[in-house]
């Protein structure tokens, strides 16, 4: 039986990166008898962010009230997610990017069946390599390395492709009542909010199989 997972996510959300890893563990445990088709949907955490992004210290200070509070939250996050063995270079990230163009390219990647690779590349570029993925040249290099064609990527970024999809996805998220990400929808019915443990995903898969 084929299972589907729709994931509302933003590539600057660290819990979304963690949620991706935990979902992958659940899929691996489930095994090949029940393949899982994953689709990444856009959710901009900062839709009003300037196109060029914002200095991360300024952004985090505004959001959490002080740099010290921001750093304390990051330390708590790193402690809670250490088992995932993901590298988060919070101390080297200089800018919080606008993710509109990144989401447009994730939409393009779905059409070329390389969406997961592009999402993974963007997460790694931002969190591990501390790259500014709102800078167009950097963004293009990241997605091309993940498999997108450079010319096709540049053509999309120079036009308006994907903007309607972002708008429609935003409307859908509001209709569902999504206020934070990651948010998972399994087989269009089972909804899970947050970076759940692999066991929770696995239980949801098994419920979906039993209900089919």
N, C-alpha and C. Protein backbone atom coordinates (compact mmCIF):
# COMPACT_ATOMS: atom_id res chain seq x y z
N UNK A 1 0.83 -1.20 0.00
CA UNK A 1 0.00 0.00 0.00
C UNK A 1 0.87 1.25 0.00
N UNK A 2 0.57 2.18 -0.88
CA UNK A 2 1.28 3.45 -0.93
C UNK A 2 0.71 4.42 0.10
N UNK A 3 1.58 5.03 0.87
CA UNK A 3 1.20 6.06 1.83
C UNK A 3 1.68 7.41 1.33
N UNK A 4 0.95 8.46 1.67
CA UNK A 4 1.37 9.81 1.30
C UNK A 4 1.56 10.65 2.54
N UNK A 5 2.54 11.53 2.49
CA UNK A 5 2.77 12.49 3.57
C UNK A 5 2.96 13.87 2.95
N UNK A 6 2.07 14.79 3.26
CA UNK A 6 2.22 16.19 2.88
C UNK A 6 2.80 16.94 4.07
N UNK A 7 3.87 17.68 3.82
CA UNK A 7 4.55 18.37 4.92
C UNK A 7 4.57 19.88 4.65
N UNK A 8 3.90 20.64 5.51
CA UNK A 8 4.04 22.09 5.49
C UNK A 8 5.30 22.44 6.28
N UNK A 9 6.18 23.22 5.66
CA UNK A 9 7.50 23.42 6.25
C UNK A 9 8.11 24.71 5.74
N UNK A 10 9.09 25.21 6.48
CA UNK A 10 9.92 26.31 6.00
C UNK A 10 11.38 25.90 6.18
N UNK A 11 12.22 26.26 5.22
CA UNK A 11 13.60 25.79 5.25
C UNK A 11 14.47 26.54 6.25
N UNK A 12 13.92 27.53 6.96
CA UNK A 12 14.67 28.16 8.05
C UNK A 12 14.12 27.74 9.41
N UNK A 13 13.29 26.69 9.41
CA UNK A 13 12.75 26.17 10.66
C UNK A 13 13.59 24.97 11.11
N UNK A 14 14.34 25.09 12.21
CA UNK A 14 15.19 23.97 12.63
C UNK A 14 14.39 22.72 13.00
N UNK A 15 13.20 22.91 13.57
CA UNK A 15 12.38 21.75 13.92
C UNK A 15 11.90 21.02 12.67
N UNK A 16 11.79 21.73 11.55
CA UNK A 16 11.41 21.07 10.29
C UNK A 16 12.53 20.14 9.82
N UNK A 17 13.77 20.55 9.99
CA UNK A 17 14.91 19.71 9.64
C UNK A 17 14.92 18.47 10.52
N UNK A 18 14.69 18.67 11.80
CA UNK A 18 14.64 17.54 12.73
C UNK A 18 13.46 16.62 12.37
N UNK A 19 12.31 17.22 12.09
CA UNK A 19 11.14 16.43 11.71
C UNK A 19 11.38 15.59 10.47
N UNK A 20 12.14 16.12 9.53
CA UNK A 20 12.49 15.36 8.33
C UNK A 20 13.27 14.10 8.69
N UNK A 21 14.25 14.25 9.56
CA UNK A 21 15.05 13.09 9.96
C UNK A 21 14.21 12.05 10.71
N UNK A 22 13.36 12.51 11.58
CA UNK A 22 12.54 11.57 12.35
C UNK A 22 11.53 10.85 11.46
N UNK A 23 10.98 11.55 10.50
CA UNK A 23 10.09 10.91 9.53
C UNK A 23 10.84 9.87 8.73
N UNK A 24 12.04 10.19 8.31
CA UNK A 24 12.85 9.24 7.53
C UNK A 24 13.14 7.97 8.32
N UNK A 25 13.38 8.11 9.62
CA UNK A 25 13.59 6.93 10.46
C UNK A 25 12.33 6.06 10.50
N UNK A 26 11.18 6.69 10.60
CA UNK A 26 9.92 5.94 10.63
C UNK A 26 9.69 5.22 9.30
N UNK A 27 9.98 5.90 8.20
CA UNK A 27 9.80 5.29 6.88
C UNK A 27 10.73 4.09 6.72
N UNK A 28 11.96 4.22 7.20
CA UNK A 28 12.91 3.11 7.10
C UNK A 28 12.43 1.92 7.93
N UNK A 29 11.87 2.18 9.09
CA UNK A 29 11.36 1.11 9.94
C UNK A 29 10.14 0.44 9.30
N UNK A 30 9.31 1.22 8.65
CA UNK A 30 8.12 0.68 8.00
C UNK A 30 8.47 -0.34 6.93
N UNK A 31 9.55 -0.08 6.20
CA UNK A 31 10.01 -1.04 5.21
C UNK A 31 9.39 -0.86 3.84
N UNK A 32 9.89 -1.60 2.86
CA UNK A 32 9.49 -1.40 1.45
C UNK A 32 8.09 -1.90 1.10
N UNK A 33 7.47 -2.67 1.97
CA UNK A 33 6.14 -3.18 1.65
C UNK A 33 5.11 -2.06 1.54
N UNK A 34 5.41 -0.94 2.20
CA UNK A 34 4.48 0.20 2.17
C UNK A 34 5.28 1.46 1.81
N UNK A 35 5.51 1.70 0.54
CA UNK A 35 6.27 2.89 0.14
C UNK A 35 5.55 4.17 0.55
N UNK A 36 6.34 5.20 0.84
CA UNK A 36 5.80 6.47 1.31
C UNK A 36 6.20 7.58 0.34
N UNK A 37 5.20 8.28 -0.16
CA UNK A 37 5.43 9.41 -1.06
C UNK A 37 5.33 10.70 -0.26
N UNK A 38 6.43 11.43 -0.20
CA UNK A 38 6.50 12.65 0.60
C UNK A 38 6.43 13.87 -0.31
N UNK A 39 5.61 14.82 0.08
CA UNK A 39 5.48 16.07 -0.67
C UNK A 39 5.68 17.24 0.29
N UNK A 40 6.56 18.16 -0.10
CA UNK A 40 6.87 19.33 0.73
C UNK A 40 6.06 20.53 0.24
N UNK A 41 5.34 21.16 1.16
CA UNK A 41 4.49 22.30 0.85
C UNK A 41 5.01 23.54 1.59
N UNK A 42 4.85 24.71 0.99
CA UNK A 42 5.45 25.92 1.57
C UNK A 42 4.65 26.52 2.71
N UNK A 43 5.37 26.98 3.71
CA UNK A 43 4.80 27.75 4.80
C UNK A 43 5.86 28.78 5.19
N UNK A 44 5.65 30.02 4.83
CA UNK A 44 6.63 31.05 5.15
C UNK A 44 6.44 31.55 6.57
N UNK A 45 7.42 31.32 7.40
CA UNK A 45 7.35 31.80 8.78
C UNK A 45 7.39 33.32 8.85
N UNK A 46 8.06 33.94 7.87
CA UNK A 46 8.20 35.39 7.86
C UNK A 46 7.83 35.94 6.48
N UNK A 47 6.54 35.91 6.13
CA UNK A 47 6.15 36.34 4.79
C UNK A 47 6.45 37.81 4.50
N UNK A 48 6.59 38.62 5.56
CA UNK A 48 6.87 40.04 5.36
C UNK A 48 8.36 40.35 5.40
N UNK A 49 9.19 39.33 5.48
CA UNK A 49 10.63 39.54 5.51
C UNK A 49 11.10 40.26 4.24
N UNK A 50 11.98 41.26 4.35
CA UNK A 50 12.52 41.89 3.15
C UNK A 50 13.16 40.85 2.23
N UNK A 51 13.10 41.09 0.93
CA UNK A 51 13.61 40.13 -0.03
C UNK A 51 15.07 39.76 0.24
N UNK A 52 15.85 40.72 0.71
CA UNK A 52 17.26 40.48 0.97
C UNK A 52 17.50 39.85 2.35
N UNK A 53 16.45 39.60 3.09
CA UNK A 53 16.60 39.02 4.42
C UNK A 53 16.94 40.07 5.46
N UNK A 54 17.35 39.60 6.63
CA UNK A 54 17.65 40.49 7.76
C UNK A 54 18.78 39.89 8.57
N UNK A 55 19.58 40.73 9.18
CA UNK A 55 20.62 40.25 10.07
C UNK A 55 20.03 39.35 11.13
N UNK A 56 20.64 38.19 11.36
CA UNK A 56 20.02 37.20 12.25
C UNK A 56 19.96 37.68 13.70
N UNK A 57 20.98 38.35 14.15
CA UNK A 57 20.96 38.85 15.53
C UNK A 57 19.80 39.82 15.72
N UNK A 58 19.62 40.72 14.77
CA UNK A 58 18.52 41.67 14.85
C UNK A 58 17.18 40.93 14.83
N UNK A 59 17.05 39.98 13.93
CA UNK A 59 15.80 39.23 13.80
C UNK A 59 15.48 38.46 15.09
N UNK A 60 16.46 37.73 15.61
CA UNK A 60 16.22 36.92 16.80
C UNK A 60 15.97 37.78 18.03
N UNK A 61 16.63 38.93 18.10
CA UNK A 61 16.43 39.83 19.23
C UNK A 61 15.01 40.40 19.21
N UNK A 62 14.56 40.78 18.02
CA UNK A 62 13.19 41.28 17.90
C UNK A 62 12.17 40.19 18.26
N UNK A 63 12.43 38.99 17.81
CA UNK A 63 11.47 37.90 18.00
C UNK A 63 11.39 37.43 19.44
N UNK A 64 12.54 37.34 20.11
CA UNK A 64 12.57 36.75 21.45
C UNK A 64 12.89 37.75 22.57
N UNK A 65 13.06 39.01 22.22
CA UNK A 65 13.23 40.03 23.25
C UNK A 65 14.65 40.36 23.60
N UNK A 66 15.56 39.40 23.43
CA UNK A 66 16.96 39.65 23.72
C UNK A 66 17.82 38.58 23.06
N UNK A 67 19.07 38.90 22.81
CA UNK A 67 19.99 37.93 22.23
C UNK A 67 20.22 36.78 23.20
N UNK A 68 20.28 37.09 24.50
CA UNK A 68 20.51 36.05 25.50
C UNK A 68 19.37 35.03 25.52
N UNK A 69 18.15 35.51 25.39
CA UNK A 69 17.00 34.61 25.35
C UNK A 69 17.06 33.73 24.11
N UNK A 70 17.44 34.31 22.99
CA UNK A 70 17.58 33.55 21.75
C UNK A 70 18.63 32.46 21.90
N UNK A 71 19.76 32.80 22.48
CA UNK A 71 20.84 31.82 22.65
C UNK A 71 20.44 30.72 23.61
N UNK A 72 19.70 31.05 24.64
CA UNK A 72 19.24 30.03 25.58
C UNK A 72 18.28 29.05 24.90
N UNK A 73 17.41 29.55 24.05
CA UNK A 73 16.49 28.69 23.32
C UNK A 73 17.24 27.78 22.34
N UNK A 74 18.26 28.32 21.71
CA UNK A 74 19.06 27.50 20.80
C UNK A 74 19.78 26.38 21.55
N UNK A 75 20.29 26.69 22.72
CA UNK A 75 20.98 25.67 23.52
C UNK A 75 20.01 24.57 23.94
N UNK A 76 18.80 24.95 24.31
CA UNK A 76 17.78 23.96 24.68
C UNK A 76 17.43 23.09 23.48
N UNK A 77 17.28 23.71 22.33
CA UNK A 77 16.97 22.97 21.10
C UNK A 77 18.07 21.97 20.78
N UNK A 78 19.31 22.39 20.84
CA UNK A 78 20.44 21.50 20.52
C UNK A 78 20.50 20.32 21.47
N UNK A 79 20.20 20.55 22.74
CA UNK A 79 20.20 19.47 23.71
C UNK A 79 19.08 18.48 23.42
N UNK A 80 17.90 19.00 23.05
CA UNK A 80 16.74 18.14 22.82
C UNK A 80 16.85 17.33 21.54
N UNK A 81 17.68 17.79 20.60
CA UNK A 81 17.75 17.13 19.29
C UNK A 81 19.11 16.49 19.02
N UNK A 82 19.92 16.33 20.04
CA UNK A 82 21.27 15.80 19.85
C UNK A 82 21.26 14.40 19.22
N UNK A 83 20.24 13.61 19.52
CA UNK A 83 20.18 12.24 19.01
C UNK A 83 20.05 12.19 17.49
N UNK A 84 19.61 13.27 16.87
CA UNK A 84 19.46 13.28 15.42
C UNK A 84 20.79 13.45 14.69
N UNK A 85 21.81 13.87 15.40
CA UNK A 85 23.16 14.04 14.84
C UNK A 85 23.18 14.98 13.64
N UNK A 86 22.36 16.01 13.71
CA UNK A 86 22.39 17.06 12.70
C UNK A 86 23.28 18.19 13.20
N UNK A 87 23.95 18.85 12.30
CA UNK A 87 24.84 19.94 12.67
C UNK A 87 24.13 21.28 12.44
N UNK A 88 24.00 22.06 13.50
CA UNK A 88 23.38 23.38 13.41
C UNK A 88 24.42 24.44 13.77
N UNK A 89 24.79 25.23 12.77
CA UNK A 89 25.83 26.24 12.97
C UNK A 89 25.20 27.58 13.33
N UNK A 90 24.41 27.59 14.40
CA UNK A 90 23.71 28.81 14.78
C UNK A 90 24.68 29.97 15.00
N UNK A 91 25.85 29.67 15.51
CA UNK A 91 26.82 30.73 15.81
C UNK A 91 27.44 31.35 14.57
N UNK A 92 27.29 30.69 13.41
CA UNK A 92 27.89 31.21 12.17
C UNK A 92 26.86 31.78 11.20
N UNK A 93 25.58 31.59 11.47
CA UNK A 93 24.55 32.11 10.57
C UNK A 93 24.43 33.62 10.78
N UNK A 94 24.64 34.38 9.72
CA UNK A 94 24.65 35.83 9.83
C UNK A 94 23.32 36.47 9.46
N UNK A 95 22.54 35.81 8.58
CA UNK A 95 21.31 36.42 8.11
C UNK A 95 20.15 35.44 8.17
N UNK A 96 18.97 35.98 8.47
CA UNK A 96 17.72 35.22 8.34
C UNK A 96 17.14 35.57 6.97
N UNK A 97 17.01 34.58 6.09
CA UNK A 97 16.62 34.89 4.70
C UNK A 97 15.11 34.98 4.50
N UNK A 98 14.73 35.65 3.43
CA UNK A 98 13.40 35.51 2.88
C UNK A 98 13.38 34.19 2.11
N UNK A 99 12.38 33.35 2.35
CA UNK A 99 12.39 32.00 1.77
C UNK A 99 11.44 31.84 0.59
N UNK A 100 10.89 32.94 0.09
CA UNK A 100 9.94 32.83 -1.02
C UNK A 100 10.55 32.12 -2.22
N UNK A 101 11.72 32.54 -2.65
CA UNK A 101 12.34 31.93 -3.83
C UNK A 101 12.74 30.48 -3.56
N UNK A 102 13.17 30.19 -2.35
CA UNK A 102 13.50 28.80 -2.00
C UNK A 102 12.28 27.91 -2.16
N UNK A 103 11.12 28.40 -1.71
CA UNK A 103 9.89 27.62 -1.84
C UNK A 103 9.48 27.45 -3.31
N UNK A 104 9.70 28.46 -4.11
CA UNK A 104 9.40 28.34 -5.54
C UNK A 104 10.25 27.24 -6.18
N UNK A 105 11.48 27.14 -5.76
CA UNK A 105 12.38 26.13 -6.33
C UNK A 105 12.04 24.73 -5.80
N UNK A 106 11.56 24.65 -4.58
CA UNK A 106 11.08 23.36 -4.06
C UNK A 106 9.87 22.90 -4.87
N UNK A 107 9.02 23.83 -5.24
CA UNK A 107 7.87 23.54 -6.12
C UNK A 107 8.35 23.02 -7.47
N UNK A 108 9.35 23.67 -8.04
CA UNK A 108 9.92 23.22 -9.31
C UNK A 108 10.54 21.83 -9.16
N UNK A 109 11.21 21.59 -8.06
CA UNK A 109 11.86 20.30 -7.83
C UNK A 109 10.86 19.17 -7.77
N UNK A 110 9.66 19.44 -7.25
CA UNK A 110 8.63 18.39 -7.22
C UNK A 110 8.28 17.94 -8.63
N UNK A 111 8.20 18.86 -9.55
CA UNK A 111 7.88 18.54 -10.93
C UNK A 111 8.95 17.67 -11.59
N UNK A 112 10.16 17.75 -11.07
CA UNK A 112 11.27 16.98 -11.63
C UNK A 112 11.65 15.78 -10.76
N UNK A 113 10.79 15.48 -9.78
CA UNK A 113 10.95 14.31 -8.91
C UNK A 113 12.26 14.33 -8.12
N UNK A 114 12.73 15.52 -7.76
CA UNK A 114 13.94 15.63 -6.93
C UNK A 114 13.68 16.56 -5.74
N UNK A 115 12.43 16.61 -5.31
CA UNK A 115 12.07 17.56 -4.26
C UNK A 115 12.81 17.29 -2.96
N UNK A 116 12.89 16.03 -2.55
CA UNK A 116 13.55 15.72 -1.28
C UNK A 116 15.01 16.15 -1.30
N UNK A 117 15.69 15.93 -2.41
CA UNK A 117 17.10 16.30 -2.52
C UNK A 117 17.28 17.81 -2.41
N UNK A 118 16.38 18.56 -3.02
CA UNK A 118 16.47 20.02 -2.96
C UNK A 118 16.16 20.53 -1.56
N UNK A 119 15.14 19.97 -0.92
CA UNK A 119 14.82 20.36 0.46
C UNK A 119 16.00 20.06 1.38
N UNK A 120 16.56 18.87 1.26
CA UNK A 120 17.72 18.50 2.07
C UNK A 120 18.88 19.46 1.84
N UNK A 121 19.12 19.79 0.58
CA UNK A 121 20.21 20.70 0.25
C UNK A 121 20.02 22.08 0.86
N UNK A 122 18.80 22.56 0.85
CA UNK A 122 18.52 23.88 1.41
C UNK A 122 18.65 23.88 2.94
N UNK A 123 18.12 22.84 3.59
CA UNK A 123 18.31 22.72 5.04
C UNK A 123 19.80 22.72 5.39
N UNK A 124 20.56 21.89 4.69
CA UNK A 124 21.98 21.77 4.99
C UNK A 124 22.72 23.09 4.72
N UNK A 125 22.38 23.74 3.63
CA UNK A 125 23.05 24.99 3.28
C UNK A 125 22.84 26.05 4.36
N UNK A 126 21.62 26.14 4.84
CA UNK A 126 21.32 27.17 5.84
C UNK A 126 21.82 26.82 7.23
N UNK A 127 21.48 25.63 7.70
CA UNK A 127 21.77 25.29 9.08
C UNK A 127 23.19 24.79 9.32
N UNK A 128 23.74 24.04 8.39
CA UNK A 128 25.06 23.44 8.60
C UNK A 128 26.18 24.29 8.00
N UNK A 129 25.92 24.83 6.80
CA UNK A 129 26.96 25.60 6.11
C UNK A 129 26.81 27.11 6.36
N UNK A 130 25.73 27.50 7.02
CA UNK A 130 25.50 28.90 7.39
C UNK A 130 25.49 29.83 6.18
N UNK A 131 24.88 29.38 5.09
CA UNK A 131 24.81 30.17 3.86
C UNK A 131 23.54 31.01 3.84
N UNK A 132 23.64 32.14 3.17
CA UNK A 132 22.50 33.04 3.02
C UNK A 132 21.70 32.60 1.79
N UNK A 133 20.66 31.81 1.99
CA UNK A 133 19.91 31.25 0.87
C UNK A 133 18.89 32.23 0.29
N UNK A 134 18.90 33.49 0.75
CA UNK A 134 18.13 34.51 0.05
C UNK A 134 18.99 35.23 -0.98
N UNK A 135 20.30 35.01 -0.94
CA UNK A 135 21.20 35.54 -1.97
C UNK A 135 21.06 34.66 -3.21
N UNK A 136 20.67 35.24 -4.32
CA UNK A 136 20.28 34.46 -5.49
C UNK A 136 21.39 33.55 -6.01
N UNK A 137 22.62 34.04 -6.05
CA UNK A 137 23.70 33.21 -6.57
C UNK A 137 23.94 31.99 -5.68
N UNK A 138 23.84 32.19 -4.37
CA UNK A 138 24.02 31.07 -3.45
C UNK A 138 22.86 30.09 -3.58
N UNK A 139 21.65 30.61 -3.63
CA UNK A 139 20.46 29.77 -3.76
C UNK A 139 20.54 28.91 -5.02
N UNK A 140 20.92 29.51 -6.13
CA UNK A 140 21.03 28.76 -7.38
C UNK A 140 22.07 27.66 -7.26
N UNK A 141 23.23 27.97 -6.71
CA UNK A 141 24.28 26.95 -6.57
C UNK A 141 23.80 25.77 -5.72
N UNK A 142 23.06 26.06 -4.65
CA UNK A 142 22.59 25.00 -3.75
C UNK A 142 21.63 24.06 -4.48
N UNK A 143 20.65 24.61 -5.18
CA UNK A 143 19.64 23.75 -5.81
C UNK A 143 20.19 23.05 -7.05
N UNK A 144 21.12 23.68 -7.73
CA UNK A 144 21.75 23.02 -8.89
C UNK A 144 22.57 21.83 -8.41
N UNK A 145 23.29 21.99 -7.32
CA UNK A 145 24.04 20.86 -6.77
C UNK A 145 23.11 19.72 -6.37
N UNK A 146 21.89 20.06 -5.96
CA UNK A 146 20.91 19.04 -5.58
C UNK A 146 20.23 18.39 -6.78
N UNK A 147 20.42 18.97 -7.98
CA UNK A 147 19.89 18.31 -9.17
C UNK A 147 19.09 19.14 -10.13
N UNK A 148 18.73 20.38 -9.76
CA UNK A 148 17.97 21.22 -10.68
C UNK A 148 18.87 21.76 -11.79
N UNK A 149 18.28 21.96 -12.94
CA UNK A 149 19.00 22.54 -14.07
C UNK A 149 19.23 24.05 -13.84
N UNK A 150 20.44 24.51 -14.06
CA UNK A 150 20.77 25.90 -13.77
C UNK A 150 19.95 26.88 -14.62
N UNK A 151 19.85 26.60 -15.92
CA UNK A 151 19.11 27.52 -16.78
C UNK A 151 17.64 27.57 -16.40
N UNK A 152 17.06 26.40 -16.13
CA UNK A 152 15.64 26.35 -15.73
C UNK A 152 15.44 27.08 -14.41
N UNK A 153 16.39 26.94 -13.49
CA UNK A 153 16.31 27.61 -12.20
C UNK A 153 16.36 29.12 -12.37
N UNK A 154 17.29 29.58 -13.18
CA UNK A 154 17.42 31.02 -13.40
C UNK A 154 16.18 31.59 -14.07
N UNK A 155 15.63 30.85 -15.03
CA UNK A 155 14.42 31.31 -15.72
C UNK A 155 13.27 31.47 -14.72
N UNK A 156 13.12 30.50 -13.82
CA UNK A 156 12.04 30.60 -12.83
C UNK A 156 12.23 31.82 -11.94
N UNK A 157 13.44 32.03 -11.46
CA UNK A 157 13.69 33.12 -10.54
C UNK A 157 13.54 34.49 -11.21
N UNK A 158 13.71 34.53 -12.51
CA UNK A 158 13.56 35.78 -13.25
C UNK A 158 12.11 36.08 -13.62
N UNK A 159 11.21 35.15 -13.30
CA UNK A 159 9.79 35.33 -13.60
C UNK A 159 8.93 35.17 -12.36
N UNK A 160 7.67 34.80 -12.59
CA UNK A 160 6.70 34.70 -11.50
C UNK A 160 6.23 33.27 -11.24
N UNK A 161 6.86 32.30 -11.87
CA UNK A 161 6.42 30.91 -11.69
C UNK A 161 6.46 30.51 -10.21
N UNK A 162 5.44 29.79 -9.81
CA UNK A 162 5.40 29.27 -8.45
C UNK A 162 4.75 30.18 -7.45
N UNK A 163 4.56 31.45 -7.79
CA UNK A 163 3.96 32.38 -6.82
C UNK A 163 2.51 32.04 -6.54
N UNK A 164 1.78 31.64 -7.58
CA UNK A 164 0.38 31.24 -7.37
C UNK A 164 0.30 30.03 -6.46
N UNK A 165 1.24 29.09 -6.64
CA UNK A 165 1.25 27.90 -5.79
C UNK A 165 1.50 28.27 -4.33
N UNK A 166 2.43 29.19 -4.09
CA UNK A 166 2.70 29.65 -2.73
C UNK A 166 1.47 30.27 -2.11
N UNK A 167 0.77 31.07 -2.89
CA UNK A 167 -0.43 31.72 -2.38
C UNK A 167 -1.51 30.68 -2.06
N UNK A 168 -1.71 29.73 -2.96
CA UNK A 168 -2.72 28.70 -2.74
C UNK A 168 -2.38 27.85 -1.52
N UNK A 169 -1.10 27.51 -1.36
CA UNK A 169 -0.68 26.72 -0.20
C UNK A 169 -0.90 27.48 1.09
N UNK A 170 -0.68 28.79 1.05
CA UNK A 170 -0.93 29.61 2.23
C UNK A 170 -2.40 29.62 2.61
N UNK A 171 -3.26 29.69 1.61
CA UNK A 171 -4.70 29.65 1.86
C UNK A 171 -5.10 28.30 2.47
N UNK A 172 -4.55 27.22 1.91
CA UNK A 172 -4.85 25.89 2.42
C UNK A 172 -4.39 25.74 3.87
N UNK A 173 -3.20 26.25 4.17
CA UNK A 173 -2.68 26.16 5.54
C UNK A 173 -3.59 26.89 6.52
N UNK A 174 -4.07 28.05 6.12
CA UNK A 174 -4.97 28.81 7.00
C UNK A 174 -6.30 28.08 7.17
N UNK A 175 -6.80 27.47 6.11
CA UNK A 175 -8.06 26.73 6.21
C UNK A 175 -7.94 25.55 7.17
N UNK A 176 -6.78 24.90 7.14
CA UNK A 176 -6.54 23.77 8.04
C UNK A 176 -6.35 24.25 9.47
N UNK A 177 -5.87 25.47 9.62
CA UNK A 177 -5.61 26.01 10.95
C UNK A 177 -4.16 25.88 11.37
N UNK A 178 -3.26 25.76 10.41
CA UNK A 178 -1.84 25.61 10.72
C UNK A 178 -1.28 26.96 11.17
N UNK A 179 -0.66 26.97 12.33
CA UNK A 179 -0.04 28.19 12.85
C UNK A 179 1.46 28.03 13.04
N UNK A 180 1.95 26.81 12.90
CA UNK A 180 3.38 26.55 13.04
C UNK A 180 3.78 25.31 12.27
N UNK A 181 5.05 25.18 12.04
CA UNK A 181 5.57 24.04 11.28
C UNK A 181 6.72 23.39 12.05
N UNK A 182 6.98 22.10 11.72
CA UNK A 182 6.41 21.29 10.64
C UNK A 182 5.00 20.79 10.97
N UNK A 183 4.25 20.55 9.91
CA UNK A 183 2.89 20.02 10.04
C UNK A 183 2.73 18.93 8.99
N UNK A 184 2.35 17.73 9.45
CA UNK A 184 2.32 16.55 8.58
C UNK A 184 0.88 16.08 8.38
N UNK A 185 0.54 15.73 7.15
CA UNK A 185 -0.77 15.16 6.85
C UNK A 185 -0.55 13.82 6.15
N UNK A 186 -0.93 12.75 6.81
CA UNK A 186 -0.71 11.39 6.30
C UNK A 186 -1.98 10.88 5.64
N UNK A 187 -1.85 10.47 4.38
CA UNK A 187 -2.99 9.95 3.61
C UNK A 187 -4.19 10.90 3.62
N UNK A 188 -3.88 12.21 3.65
CA UNK A 188 -4.89 13.27 3.59
C UNK A 188 -5.85 13.26 4.78
N UNK A 189 -5.55 12.49 5.80
CA UNK A 189 -6.48 12.36 6.92
C UNK A 189 -5.81 12.58 8.28
N UNK A 190 -4.70 11.90 8.52
CA UNK A 190 -4.07 11.94 9.84
C UNK A 190 -3.14 13.14 9.92
N UNK A 191 -3.35 13.99 10.91
CA UNK A 191 -2.58 15.22 11.02
C UNK A 191 -1.70 15.19 12.27
N UNK A 192 -0.45 15.54 12.08
CA UNK A 192 0.51 15.59 13.18
C UNK A 192 1.22 16.93 13.14
N UNK A 193 1.26 17.61 14.26
CA UNK A 193 1.92 18.90 14.36
C UNK A 193 3.23 18.76 15.13
N UNK A 194 4.29 19.32 14.59
CA UNK A 194 5.57 19.30 15.28
C UNK A 194 6.46 18.14 14.85
N UNK A 195 7.71 18.20 15.28
CA UNK A 195 8.70 17.18 14.93
C UNK A 195 8.52 15.97 15.84
N UNK A 196 7.53 15.17 15.52
CA UNK A 196 7.17 14.03 16.37
C UNK A 196 8.27 12.97 16.38
N UNK A 197 8.33 12.13 17.43
CA UNK A 197 9.27 11.01 17.46
C UNK A 197 8.95 10.02 16.33
N UNK A 198 9.95 9.27 15.86
CA UNK A 198 9.70 8.27 14.81
C UNK A 198 8.56 7.31 15.17
N UNK A 199 8.45 6.97 16.45
CA UNK A 199 7.41 6.03 16.87
C UNK A 199 6.00 6.58 16.61
N UNK A 200 5.84 7.88 16.73
CA UNK A 200 4.54 8.49 16.48
C UNK A 200 4.20 8.43 15.00
N UNK A 201 5.18 8.72 14.15
CA UNK A 201 4.96 8.60 12.71
C UNK A 201 4.62 7.15 12.34
N UNK A 202 5.36 6.22 12.91
CA UNK A 202 5.14 4.82 12.59
C UNK A 202 3.74 4.38 13.01
N UNK A 203 3.30 4.81 14.16
CA UNK A 203 1.96 4.46 14.63
C UNK A 203 0.90 5.05 13.70
N UNK A 204 1.14 6.26 13.22
CA UNK A 204 0.21 6.89 12.28
C UNK A 204 0.17 6.13 10.96
N UNK A 205 1.33 5.69 10.49
CA UNK A 205 1.37 4.89 9.26
C UNK A 205 0.57 3.59 9.44
N UNK A 206 0.79 2.94 10.55
CA UNK A 206 0.11 1.67 10.80
C UNK A 206 -1.40 1.86 10.92
N UNK A 207 -1.80 2.98 11.51
CA UNK A 207 -3.24 3.28 11.59
C UNK A 207 -3.81 3.50 10.19
N UNK A 208 -3.07 4.22 9.34
CA UNK A 208 -3.53 4.49 7.98
C UNK A 208 -3.65 3.19 7.20
N UNK A 209 -2.71 2.29 7.38
CA UNK A 209 -2.75 0.99 6.68
C UNK A 209 -3.95 0.18 7.15
N UNK A 210 -4.17 0.15 8.46
CA UNK A 210 -5.28 -0.62 9.00
C UNK A 210 -6.63 -0.07 8.57
N UNK A 211 -6.67 1.25 8.35
CA UNK A 211 -7.94 1.89 8.00
C UNK A 211 -8.26 1.81 6.51
N UNK A 212 -7.28 1.43 5.71
CA UNK A 212 -7.47 1.43 4.25
C UNK A 212 -8.39 0.28 3.83
